[in-house]
């Protein structure tokens, strides 16, 4: 069962460019628990984009991750993971729950679809490509697409990587004031 921190970690893992895919509760392994055989299942397994190399990720609260006991055992778990050629990385709650990034990622996830692009998607991409960066709040009037339809399409295009914000999502809340532009990625 996922903890709230693990649930929030999914937004982070989903958005990372260095991770091609991830899974919860991957196959576990054994490690040397100070002379005893310990069994361990990490919170996530990940496949990285650049090398197709696999790794493991453990998610902990800051308090737990900073405890001496956890650190001592985690070193043993990392050593065993290294021997299996699947490095183990620690993500602390403070790494995952950075604001406004986490709220921005949740918003994009909410509106991301797997559906094919529709006329609204193409109209907004063509408009922004032709006119350059525009504030989200200005798009309904300029495009003629009602706000209730326009905003979700903009967020979907941001989630797909077709649009990017002028200000980093790590430091600026994603709202109607945000300025968006076309990315260099072609999705159509």
N, C-alpha and C. Protein backbone atom coordinates (compact mmCIF):
# COMPACT_ATOMS: atom_id res chain seq x y z
N UNK A 1 0.84 -1.19 0.00
CA UNK A 1 0.00 0.00 0.00
C UNK A 1 0.88 1.25 0.00
N UNK A 2 0.53 2.20 -0.84
CA UNK A 2 1.32 3.42 -0.96
C UNK A 2 1.03 4.37 0.20
N UNK A 3 2.09 4.98 0.69
CA UNK A 3 1.93 6.04 1.69
C UNK A 3 1.62 7.33 0.94
N UNK A 4 1.14 8.36 1.65
CA UNK A 4 0.90 9.64 0.97
C UNK A 4 2.16 10.21 0.30
N UNK A 5 3.32 10.00 0.91
CA UNK A 5 4.57 10.49 0.30
C UNK A 5 4.86 9.71 -0.98
N UNK A 6 4.64 8.40 -0.97
CA UNK A 6 4.85 7.59 -2.18
C UNK A 6 3.89 8.01 -3.28
N UNK A 7 2.66 8.31 -2.91
CA UNK A 7 1.67 8.76 -3.88
C UNK A 7 2.15 10.06 -4.54
N UNK A 8 2.62 11.02 -3.74
CA UNK A 8 3.14 12.27 -4.28
C UNK A 8 4.40 12.05 -5.11
N UNK A 9 5.18 11.04 -4.75
CA UNK A 9 6.40 10.73 -5.51
C UNK A 9 6.06 10.35 -6.95
N UNK A 10 4.90 9.76 -7.16
CA UNK A 10 4.51 9.37 -8.52
C UNK A 10 4.45 10.58 -9.45
N UNK A 11 3.98 11.72 -8.95
CA UNK A 11 3.94 12.93 -9.78
C UNK A 11 5.36 13.34 -10.18
N UNK A 12 6.28 13.27 -9.22
CA UNK A 12 7.67 13.62 -9.49
C UNK A 12 8.27 12.65 -10.50
N UNK A 13 8.10 11.36 -10.28
CA UNK A 13 8.69 10.35 -11.16
C UNK A 13 8.11 10.44 -12.58
N UNK A 14 6.82 10.71 -12.66
CA UNK A 14 6.15 10.82 -13.95
C UNK A 14 6.70 11.99 -14.76
N UNK A 15 7.11 13.06 -14.08
CA UNK A 15 7.54 14.26 -14.78
C UNK A 15 9.03 14.29 -15.10
N UNK A 16 9.80 13.39 -14.53
CA UNK A 16 11.25 13.43 -14.72
C UNK A 16 11.65 12.96 -16.11
N UNK A 17 12.50 13.75 -16.75
CA UNK A 17 12.97 13.42 -18.09
C UNK A 17 13.94 12.24 -18.09
N UNK A 18 14.60 11.99 -16.97
CA UNK A 18 15.59 10.91 -16.92
C UNK A 18 14.97 9.54 -16.67
N UNK A 19 13.67 9.49 -16.41
CA UNK A 19 12.99 8.22 -16.14
C UNK A 19 12.02 7.90 -17.27
N UNK A 20 12.26 6.78 -17.94
CA UNK A 20 11.40 6.34 -19.04
C UNK A 20 10.12 5.71 -18.51
N UNK A 21 10.26 4.91 -17.45
CA UNK A 21 9.10 4.25 -16.84
C UNK A 21 9.43 3.89 -15.40
N UNK A 22 8.38 3.66 -14.62
CA UNK A 22 8.58 3.23 -13.24
C UNK A 22 7.43 2.35 -12.81
N UNK A 23 7.68 1.57 -11.77
CA UNK A 23 6.65 0.69 -11.23
C UNK A 23 6.75 0.68 -9.72
N UNK A 24 5.61 0.54 -9.06
CA UNK A 24 5.58 0.46 -7.61
C UNK A 24 5.90 -0.96 -7.17
N UNK A 25 6.57 -1.06 -6.05
CA UNK A 25 6.87 -2.35 -5.42
C UNK A 25 7.48 -3.36 -6.38
N UNK A 26 8.64 -3.05 -6.94
CA UNK A 26 9.27 -4.01 -7.86
C UNK A 26 9.78 -5.23 -7.10
N UNK A 27 10.37 -6.16 -7.82
CA UNK A 27 10.92 -7.36 -7.19
C UNK A 27 11.95 -6.96 -6.14
N UNK A 28 11.84 -7.58 -5.00
CA UNK A 28 12.77 -7.29 -3.91
C UNK A 28 14.05 -8.07 -4.03
N UNK A 29 14.92 -7.90 -3.04
CA UNK A 29 16.20 -8.59 -3.02
C UNK A 29 16.66 -8.74 -1.57
N UNK A 30 17.70 -9.52 -1.40
CA UNK A 30 18.26 -9.73 -0.07
C UNK A 30 19.47 -8.84 0.13
N UNK A 31 19.72 -8.46 1.38
CA UNK A 31 20.88 -7.64 1.73
C UNK A 31 21.43 -8.10 3.07
N UNK A 32 22.64 -7.73 3.34
CA UNK A 32 23.30 -8.08 4.60
C UNK A 32 22.87 -7.08 5.67
N UNK A 33 22.06 -7.55 6.59
CA UNK A 33 21.56 -6.71 7.67
C UNK A 33 22.43 -6.94 8.91
N UNK A 34 23.70 -6.54 8.78
CA UNK A 34 24.67 -6.67 9.86
C UNK A 34 24.78 -8.10 10.37
N UNK A 35 25.07 -8.99 9.40
CA UNK A 35 25.28 -10.39 9.73
C UNK A 35 24.06 -11.26 9.57
N UNK A 36 22.89 -10.67 9.43
CA UNK A 36 21.67 -11.43 9.20
C UNK A 36 21.19 -11.13 7.78
N UNK A 37 20.48 -12.09 7.21
CA UNK A 37 19.94 -11.90 5.86
C UNK A 37 18.65 -11.11 5.97
N UNK A 38 18.62 -9.95 5.34
CA UNK A 38 17.41 -9.13 5.32
C UNK A 38 16.75 -9.18 3.95
N UNK A 39 15.45 -9.07 3.94
CA UNK A 39 14.70 -9.01 2.68
C UNK A 39 14.15 -7.60 2.53
N UNK A 40 14.26 -7.09 1.31
CA UNK A 40 13.88 -5.70 1.09
C UNK A 40 13.19 -5.54 -0.26
N UNK A 41 12.09 -4.81 -0.27
CA UNK A 41 11.40 -4.43 -1.50
C UNK A 41 11.35 -2.91 -1.54
N UNK A 42 11.99 -2.29 -2.52
CA UNK A 42 11.97 -0.83 -2.61
C UNK A 42 10.59 -0.32 -3.01
N UNK A 43 10.38 0.96 -2.82
CA UNK A 43 9.08 1.55 -3.16
C UNK A 43 8.83 1.58 -4.66
N UNK A 44 9.89 1.84 -5.44
CA UNK A 44 9.74 1.93 -6.90
C UNK A 44 10.93 1.33 -7.61
N UNK A 45 10.65 0.79 -8.78
CA UNK A 45 11.69 0.42 -9.73
C UNK A 45 11.59 1.40 -10.88
N UNK A 46 12.72 1.76 -11.48
CA UNK A 46 12.70 2.73 -12.57
C UNK A 46 13.62 2.28 -13.69
N UNK A 47 13.22 2.61 -14.91
CA UNK A 47 14.08 2.43 -16.08
C UNK A 47 14.43 3.83 -16.55
N UNK A 48 15.72 4.08 -16.71
CA UNK A 48 16.20 5.41 -17.06
C UNK A 48 16.29 5.57 -18.58
N UNK A 49 16.03 6.77 -19.05
CA UNK A 49 15.92 7.03 -20.49
C UNK A 49 17.24 6.91 -21.23
N UNK A 50 18.30 7.43 -20.68
CA UNK A 50 19.56 7.48 -21.42
C UNK A 50 20.20 6.11 -21.64
N UNK A 51 20.09 5.24 -20.69
CA UNK A 51 20.83 3.99 -20.77
C UNK A 51 19.97 2.73 -20.74
N UNK A 52 18.69 2.88 -20.59
CA UNK A 52 17.80 1.74 -20.36
C UNK A 52 18.21 0.98 -19.10
N UNK A 53 19.04 1.59 -18.30
CA UNK A 53 19.49 0.98 -17.06
C UNK A 53 18.36 1.04 -16.02
N UNK A 54 18.29 0.01 -15.21
CA UNK A 54 17.25 -0.02 -14.18
C UNK A 54 17.82 0.41 -12.84
N UNK A 55 16.96 0.97 -12.03
CA UNK A 55 17.33 1.38 -10.69
C UNK A 55 16.15 1.22 -9.76
N UNK A 56 16.39 1.51 -8.51
CA UNK A 56 15.36 1.40 -7.48
C UNK A 56 15.31 2.70 -6.70
N UNK A 57 14.13 2.99 -6.18
CA UNK A 57 13.93 4.25 -5.46
C UNK A 57 13.18 3.96 -4.16
N UNK A 58 13.70 4.50 -3.08
CA UNK A 58 13.06 4.41 -1.77
C UNK A 58 12.57 5.80 -1.39
N UNK A 59 11.36 5.89 -0.86
CA UNK A 59 10.74 7.16 -0.48
C UNK A 59 10.52 7.16 1.02
N UNK A 60 10.99 8.22 1.67
CA UNK A 60 10.86 8.31 3.13
C UNK A 60 10.56 9.74 3.55
N UNK A 61 9.97 9.87 4.73
CA UNK A 61 9.82 11.19 5.33
C UNK A 61 11.21 11.70 5.68
N UNK A 62 11.36 12.99 5.81
CA UNK A 62 12.66 13.56 6.15
C UNK A 62 13.15 13.05 7.50
N UNK A 63 12.24 12.97 8.45
CA UNK A 63 12.62 12.53 9.79
C UNK A 63 13.18 11.11 9.77
N UNK A 64 12.48 10.22 9.06
CA UNK A 64 12.94 8.84 9.00
C UNK A 64 14.25 8.73 8.21
N UNK A 65 14.33 9.44 7.09
CA UNK A 65 15.53 9.37 6.25
C UNK A 65 16.76 9.92 6.97
N UNK A 66 16.55 10.86 7.87
CA UNK A 66 17.66 11.48 8.58
C UNK A 66 18.06 10.74 9.86
N UNK A 67 17.31 9.69 10.21
CA UNK A 67 17.64 8.96 11.44
C UNK A 67 18.89 8.09 11.24
N UNK A 68 19.66 7.98 12.27
CA UNK A 68 20.90 7.20 12.21
C UNK A 68 20.63 5.75 11.87
N UNK A 69 19.61 5.17 12.49
CA UNK A 69 19.29 3.76 12.26
C UNK A 69 18.95 3.52 10.78
N UNK A 70 18.10 4.38 10.20
CA UNK A 70 17.74 4.22 8.79
C UNK A 70 18.98 4.31 7.91
N UNK A 71 19.81 5.31 8.15
CA UNK A 71 21.00 5.52 7.32
C UNK A 71 21.92 4.29 7.35
N UNK A 72 22.10 3.70 8.52
CA UNK A 72 22.97 2.52 8.63
C UNK A 72 22.45 1.35 7.81
N UNK A 73 21.16 1.10 7.89
CA UNK A 73 20.56 -0.01 7.15
C UNK A 73 20.48 0.31 5.65
N UNK A 74 20.19 1.56 5.32
CA UNK A 74 20.06 1.96 3.92
C UNK A 74 21.37 1.77 3.17
N UNK A 75 22.47 2.04 3.82
CA UNK A 75 23.79 1.82 3.19
C UNK A 75 23.94 0.35 2.80
N UNK A 76 23.48 -0.55 3.65
CA UNK A 76 23.55 -1.99 3.35
C UNK A 76 22.65 -2.34 2.16
N UNK A 77 21.47 -1.73 2.13
CA UNK A 77 20.54 -1.98 1.02
C UNK A 77 21.11 -1.43 -0.29
N UNK A 78 21.75 -0.27 -0.23
CA UNK A 78 22.37 0.30 -1.43
C UNK A 78 23.51 -0.58 -1.93
N UNK A 79 24.31 -1.09 -1.02
CA UNK A 79 25.43 -1.94 -1.41
C UNK A 79 24.93 -3.19 -2.14
N UNK A 80 23.86 -3.80 -1.62
CA UNK A 80 23.29 -4.98 -2.27
C UNK A 80 22.72 -4.62 -3.64
N UNK A 81 22.06 -3.46 -3.73
CA UNK A 81 21.51 -3.03 -5.02
C UNK A 81 22.62 -2.78 -6.03
N UNK A 82 23.73 -2.20 -5.59
CA UNK A 82 24.87 -1.96 -6.49
C UNK A 82 25.43 -3.28 -7.02
N UNK A 83 25.48 -4.29 -6.16
CA UNK A 83 25.98 -5.60 -6.61
C UNK A 83 25.05 -6.21 -7.67
N UNK A 84 23.78 -5.86 -7.63
CA UNK A 84 22.81 -6.34 -8.62
C UNK A 84 22.76 -5.42 -9.86
N UNK A 85 23.60 -4.39 -9.85
CA UNK A 85 23.68 -3.41 -10.93
C UNK A 85 22.36 -2.66 -11.13
N UNK A 86 21.65 -2.43 -10.03
CA UNK A 86 20.42 -1.63 -10.05
C UNK A 86 20.49 -0.66 -8.86
N UNK A 87 21.17 0.46 -9.02
CA UNK A 87 21.40 1.37 -7.90
C UNK A 87 20.12 1.79 -7.19
N UNK A 88 20.24 2.00 -5.90
CA UNK A 88 19.12 2.40 -5.04
C UNK A 88 19.29 3.86 -4.67
N UNK A 89 18.27 4.64 -4.94
CA UNK A 89 18.28 6.07 -4.68
C UNK A 89 17.24 6.39 -3.61
N UNK A 90 17.52 7.37 -2.78
CA UNK A 90 16.59 7.82 -1.74
C UNK A 90 15.95 9.13 -2.16
N UNK A 91 14.62 9.19 -2.09
CA UNK A 91 13.89 10.44 -2.27
C UNK A 91 13.23 10.78 -0.94
N UNK A 92 13.53 11.95 -0.44
CA UNK A 92 12.94 12.42 0.81
C UNK A 92 11.70 13.25 0.51
N UNK A 93 10.80 13.31 1.47
CA UNK A 93 9.57 14.09 1.29
C UNK A 93 9.87 15.52 0.86
N UNK A 94 10.93 16.11 1.40
CA UNK A 94 11.27 17.49 1.03
C UNK A 94 11.71 17.59 -0.43
N UNK A 95 12.20 16.49 -1.01
CA UNK A 95 12.54 16.47 -2.44
C UNK A 95 11.28 16.42 -3.29
N UNK A 96 10.29 15.72 -2.79
CA UNK A 96 9.07 15.44 -3.55
C UNK A 96 8.03 16.55 -3.40
N UNK A 97 7.91 17.08 -2.21
CA UNK A 97 6.82 18.02 -1.91
C UNK A 97 7.25 19.48 -2.01
N UNK A 98 8.06 19.78 -2.98
CA UNK A 98 8.46 21.17 -3.22
C UNK A 98 7.31 21.91 -3.88
N UNK A 99 7.00 23.05 -3.33
CA UNK A 99 5.94 23.87 -3.92
C UNK A 99 6.57 25.08 -4.60
N UNK A 100 6.01 25.53 -5.68
CA UNK A 100 4.73 25.15 -6.26
C UNK A 100 4.80 23.97 -7.23
N UNK A 101 5.97 23.33 -7.36
CA UNK A 101 6.13 22.26 -8.34
C UNK A 101 5.11 21.15 -8.17
N UNK A 102 4.94 20.63 -6.94
CA UNK A 102 4.02 19.51 -6.76
C UNK A 102 2.60 19.89 -7.16
N UNK A 103 2.13 21.05 -6.77
CA UNK A 103 0.78 21.49 -7.16
C UNK A 103 0.66 21.62 -8.67
N UNK A 104 1.72 22.14 -9.31
CA UNK A 104 1.70 22.26 -10.77
C UNK A 104 1.64 20.90 -11.45
N UNK A 105 2.41 19.95 -10.95
CA UNK A 105 2.41 18.60 -11.53
C UNK A 105 1.05 17.92 -11.34
N UNK A 106 0.42 18.14 -10.18
CA UNK A 106 -0.91 17.57 -9.95
C UNK A 106 -1.93 18.16 -10.91
N UNK A 107 -1.83 19.46 -11.17
CA UNK A 107 -2.75 20.11 -12.10
C UNK A 107 -2.57 19.54 -13.51
N UNK A 108 -1.33 19.41 -13.95
CA UNK A 108 -1.08 18.87 -15.29
C UNK A 108 -1.56 17.43 -15.40
N UNK A 109 -1.33 16.65 -14.36
CA UNK A 109 -1.77 15.25 -14.38
C UNK A 109 -3.29 15.17 -14.49
N UNK A 110 -3.97 16.07 -13.80
CA UNK A 110 -5.44 16.09 -13.81
C UNK A 110 -6.00 16.27 -15.22
N UNK A 111 -5.31 17.08 -16.02
CA UNK A 111 -5.83 17.40 -17.36
C UNK A 111 -5.17 16.63 -18.50
N UNK A 112 -4.14 15.86 -18.20
CA UNK A 112 -3.45 15.10 -19.24
C UNK A 112 -4.36 14.00 -19.77
N UNK A 113 -4.42 13.89 -21.09
CA UNK A 113 -5.22 12.84 -21.70
C UNK A 113 -4.33 12.01 -22.63
N UNK A 114 -4.82 10.85 -22.96
CA UNK A 114 -4.13 9.99 -23.93
C UNK A 114 -4.85 10.04 -25.27
N UNK A 115 -5.88 10.86 -25.33
CA UNK A 115 -6.67 10.96 -26.56
C UNK A 115 -5.85 11.65 -27.65
N UNK A 116 -6.25 11.42 -28.88
CA UNK A 116 -5.60 12.09 -30.00
C UNK A 116 -5.90 13.58 -29.93
N UNK A 117 -5.01 14.36 -30.52
CA UNK A 117 -5.22 15.81 -30.54
C UNK A 117 -6.49 16.12 -31.33
N UNK A 118 -7.22 17.14 -30.85
CA UNK A 118 -8.44 17.54 -31.55
C UNK A 118 -8.26 18.94 -32.15
N UNK A 119 -9.32 19.48 -32.71
CA UNK A 119 -9.24 20.79 -33.37
C UNK A 119 -8.79 21.89 -32.41
N UNK A 120 -9.21 21.82 -31.15
CA UNK A 120 -8.80 22.83 -30.17
C UNK A 120 -7.30 22.77 -29.92
N UNK A 121 -6.77 21.57 -29.81
CA UNK A 121 -5.32 21.41 -29.62
C UNK A 121 -4.56 22.06 -30.78
N UNK A 122 -4.96 21.71 -31.99
CA UNK A 122 -4.27 22.22 -33.18
C UNK A 122 -4.41 23.74 -33.30
N UNK A 123 -5.60 24.25 -32.99
CA UNK A 123 -5.84 25.69 -33.09
C UNK A 123 -4.93 26.45 -32.11
N UNK A 124 -4.83 25.95 -30.88
CA UNK A 124 -3.98 26.63 -29.90
C UNK A 124 -2.50 26.52 -30.26
N UNK A 125 -2.08 25.36 -30.72
CA UNK A 125 -0.67 25.21 -31.13
C UNK A 125 -0.34 26.13 -32.29
N UNK A 126 -1.23 26.20 -33.27
CA UNK A 126 -0.98 27.09 -34.42
C UNK A 126 -0.95 28.55 -33.99
N UNK A 127 -1.86 28.93 -33.12
CA UNK A 127 -1.93 30.31 -32.64
C UNK A 127 -0.66 30.70 -31.88
N UNK A 128 -0.25 29.86 -30.94
CA UNK A 128 0.93 30.17 -30.13
C UNK A 128 2.20 30.10 -30.97
N UNK A 129 2.23 29.19 -31.91
CA UNK A 129 3.38 29.09 -32.80
C UNK A 129 3.50 30.37 -33.65
N UNK A 130 2.37 30.89 -34.10
CA UNK A 130 2.38 32.08 -34.96
C UNK A 130 2.64 33.36 -34.17
N UNK A 131 2.03 33.48 -32.99
CA UNK A 131 2.11 34.74 -32.24
C UNK A 131 3.22 34.76 -31.19
N UNK A 132 3.75 33.62 -30.86
CA UNK A 132 4.77 33.58 -29.82
C UNK A 132 4.15 33.42 -28.44
N UNK A 133 4.94 33.58 -27.40
CA UNK A 133 4.45 33.35 -26.04
C UNK A 133 3.22 34.20 -25.71
N UNK A 134 2.25 33.55 -25.06
CA UNK A 134 1.00 34.21 -24.67
C UNK A 134 0.61 33.76 -23.27
N UNK A 135 -0.05 34.65 -22.53
CA UNK A 135 -0.59 34.29 -21.21
C UNK A 135 -1.79 33.39 -21.41
N UNK A 136 -1.92 32.39 -20.55
CA UNK A 136 -3.05 31.46 -20.64
C UNK A 136 -4.37 32.21 -20.61
N UNK A 137 -4.47 33.25 -19.78
CA UNK A 137 -5.73 34.00 -19.65
C UNK A 137 -6.16 34.67 -20.95
N UNK A 138 -5.21 34.96 -21.85
CA UNK A 138 -5.53 35.62 -23.11
C UNK A 138 -5.95 34.65 -24.21
N UNK A 139 -5.68 33.39 -24.04
CA UNK A 139 -5.93 32.41 -25.10
C UNK A 139 -7.41 32.24 -25.46
N UNK A 140 -8.34 32.22 -24.51
CA UNK A 140 -9.74 32.07 -24.92
C UNK A 140 -10.21 33.18 -25.86
N UNK A 141 -9.89 34.43 -25.54
CA UNK A 141 -10.33 35.55 -26.38
C UNK A 141 -9.66 35.52 -27.75
N UNK A 142 -8.36 35.29 -27.77
CA UNK A 142 -7.62 35.31 -29.04
C UNK A 142 -8.02 34.14 -29.93
N UNK A 143 -8.23 32.96 -29.31
CA UNK A 143 -8.52 31.76 -30.10
C UNK A 143 -10.00 31.58 -30.42
N UNK A 144 -10.85 32.22 -29.63
CA UNK A 144 -12.29 32.02 -29.81
C UNK A 144 -12.79 30.74 -29.16
N UNK A 145 -11.94 30.07 -28.39
CA UNK A 145 -12.33 28.84 -27.69
C UNK A 145 -12.76 29.23 -26.28
N UNK A 146 -13.95 28.82 -25.87
CA UNK A 146 -14.44 29.15 -24.53
C UNK A 146 -13.44 28.71 -23.46
N UNK A 147 -13.35 29.53 -22.42
CA UNK A 147 -12.38 29.27 -21.35
C UNK A 147 -12.54 27.87 -20.76
N UNK A 148 -13.78 27.42 -20.60
CA UNK A 148 -14.01 26.10 -19.99
C UNK A 148 -13.43 24.96 -20.83
N UNK A 149 -13.22 25.19 -22.11
CA UNK A 149 -12.60 24.20 -22.99
C UNK A 149 -11.12 24.51 -23.23
N UNK A 150 -10.81 25.79 -23.27
CA UNK A 150 -9.46 26.23 -23.61
C UNK A 150 -8.44 25.84 -22.54
N UNK A 151 -8.73 26.15 -21.27
CA UNK A 151 -7.76 25.88 -20.21
C UNK A 151 -7.39 24.40 -20.11
N UNK A 152 -8.36 23.49 -20.10
CA UNK A 152 -7.97 22.07 -20.05
C UNK A 152 -7.08 21.65 -21.23
N UNK A 153 -7.33 22.19 -22.41
CA UNK A 153 -6.51 21.85 -23.57
C UNK A 153 -5.09 22.39 -23.39
N UNK A 154 -4.97 23.60 -22.87
CA UNK A 154 -3.65 24.18 -22.61
C UNK A 154 -2.89 23.30 -21.62
N UNK A 155 -3.55 22.91 -20.53
CA UNK A 155 -2.88 22.07 -19.53
C UNK A 155 -2.52 20.70 -20.10
N UNK A 156 -3.38 20.17 -20.96
CA UNK A 156 -3.07 18.90 -21.63
C UNK A 156 -1.84 19.06 -22.52
N UNK A 157 -1.76 20.15 -23.26
CA UNK A 157 -0.60 20.38 -24.13
C UNK A 157 0.67 20.60 -23.31
N UNK A 158 0.55 21.22 -22.17
CA UNK A 158 1.71 21.36 -21.27
C UNK A 158 2.14 19.99 -20.76
N UNK A 159 1.17 19.17 -20.36
CA UNK A 159 1.49 17.83 -19.84
C UNK A 159 2.13 16.97 -20.92
N UNK A 160 1.73 17.14 -22.17
CA UNK A 160 2.29 16.37 -23.28
C UNK A 160 3.67 16.86 -23.71
N UNK A 161 4.04 18.07 -23.26
CA UNK A 161 5.32 18.64 -23.65
C UNK A 161 5.27 19.46 -24.92
N UNK A 162 4.08 19.67 -25.48
CA UNK A 162 3.95 20.46 -26.70
C UNK A 162 4.06 21.95 -26.40
N UNK A 163 3.62 22.34 -25.22
CA UNK A 163 3.77 23.70 -24.73
C UNK A 163 4.67 23.67 -23.50
N UNK A 164 5.35 24.76 -23.26
CA UNK A 164 6.15 24.93 -22.04
C UNK A 164 5.85 26.31 -21.48
N UNK A 165 6.07 26.47 -20.19
CA UNK A 165 5.88 27.76 -19.56
C UNK A 165 7.16 28.58 -19.67
N UNK A 166 7.01 29.88 -19.72
CA UNK A 166 8.17 30.76 -19.78
C UNK A 166 8.92 30.74 -18.45
N UNK A 167 8.20 30.61 -17.34
CA UNK A 167 8.82 30.53 -16.01
C UNK A 167 8.84 29.08 -15.57
N UNK A 168 9.88 28.67 -14.86
CA UNK A 168 9.97 27.26 -14.44
C UNK A 168 8.83 26.85 -13.51
N UNK A 169 8.32 25.65 -13.73
CA UNK A 169 7.25 25.12 -12.87
C UNK A 169 7.72 24.95 -11.42
N UNK A 170 9.04 24.86 -11.23
CA UNK A 170 9.59 24.69 -9.89
C UNK A 170 9.40 25.94 -9.03
N UNK A 171 9.26 27.10 -9.68
CA UNK A 171 9.24 28.34 -8.91
C UNK A 171 8.02 29.22 -9.13
N UNK A 172 7.20 28.90 -10.12
CA UNK A 172 6.06 29.75 -10.45
C UNK A 172 4.77 28.94 -10.50
N UNK A 173 3.75 29.36 -9.75
CA UNK A 173 2.47 28.63 -9.80
C UNK A 173 1.89 28.65 -11.21
N UNK A 174 1.34 27.54 -11.61
CA UNK A 174 0.70 27.42 -12.92
C UNK A 174 -0.74 27.88 -12.78
N UNK A 175 -1.02 29.04 -13.34
CA UNK A 175 -2.37 29.60 -13.29
C UNK A 175 -2.61 30.39 -14.58
N UNK A 176 -3.68 31.14 -14.63
CA UNK A 176 -4.04 31.85 -15.86
C UNK A 176 -3.03 32.94 -16.23
N UNK A 177 -2.22 33.37 -15.27
CA UNK A 177 -1.21 34.40 -15.54
C UNK A 177 0.03 33.82 -16.25
N UNK A 178 0.19 32.51 -16.18
CA UNK A 178 1.38 31.87 -16.76
C UNK A 178 1.45 32.12 -18.27
N UNK A 179 2.66 32.35 -18.73
CA UNK A 179 2.90 32.56 -20.16
C UNK A 179 3.43 31.25 -20.75
N UNK A 180 2.83 30.84 -21.87
CA UNK A 180 3.21 29.58 -22.51
C UNK A 180 3.70 29.84 -23.93
N UNK A 181 4.55 28.93 -24.38
CA UNK A 181 5.06 28.98 -25.75
C UNK A 181 5.16 27.54 -26.25
N UNK A 182 5.30 27.39 -27.55
CA UNK A 182 5.48 26.07 -28.13
C UNK A 182 6.86 25.55 -27.77
N UNK A 183 6.93 24.26 -27.51
CA UNK A 183 8.22 23.64 -27.25
C UNK A 183 8.84 23.24 -28.58
N UNK A 184 10.03 22.71 -28.51
CA UNK A 184 10.70 22.26 -29.72
C UNK A 184 10.24 20.86 -30.12
N UNK A 185 9.47 20.20 -29.24
CA UNK A 185 8.98 18.84 -29.53
C UNK A 185 7.82 18.91 -30.50
N UNK A 186 7.86 18.11 -31.50
CA UNK A 186 6.73 18.00 -32.41
C UNK A 186 5.87 16.81 -31.97
N UNK A 187 4.61 17.09 -31.67
CA UNK A 187 3.73 16.00 -31.25
C UNK A 187 2.66 15.72 -32.31
N UNK A 188 2.70 16.44 -33.39
CA UNK A 188 1.70 16.21 -34.46
C UNK A 188 2.33 16.30 -35.81
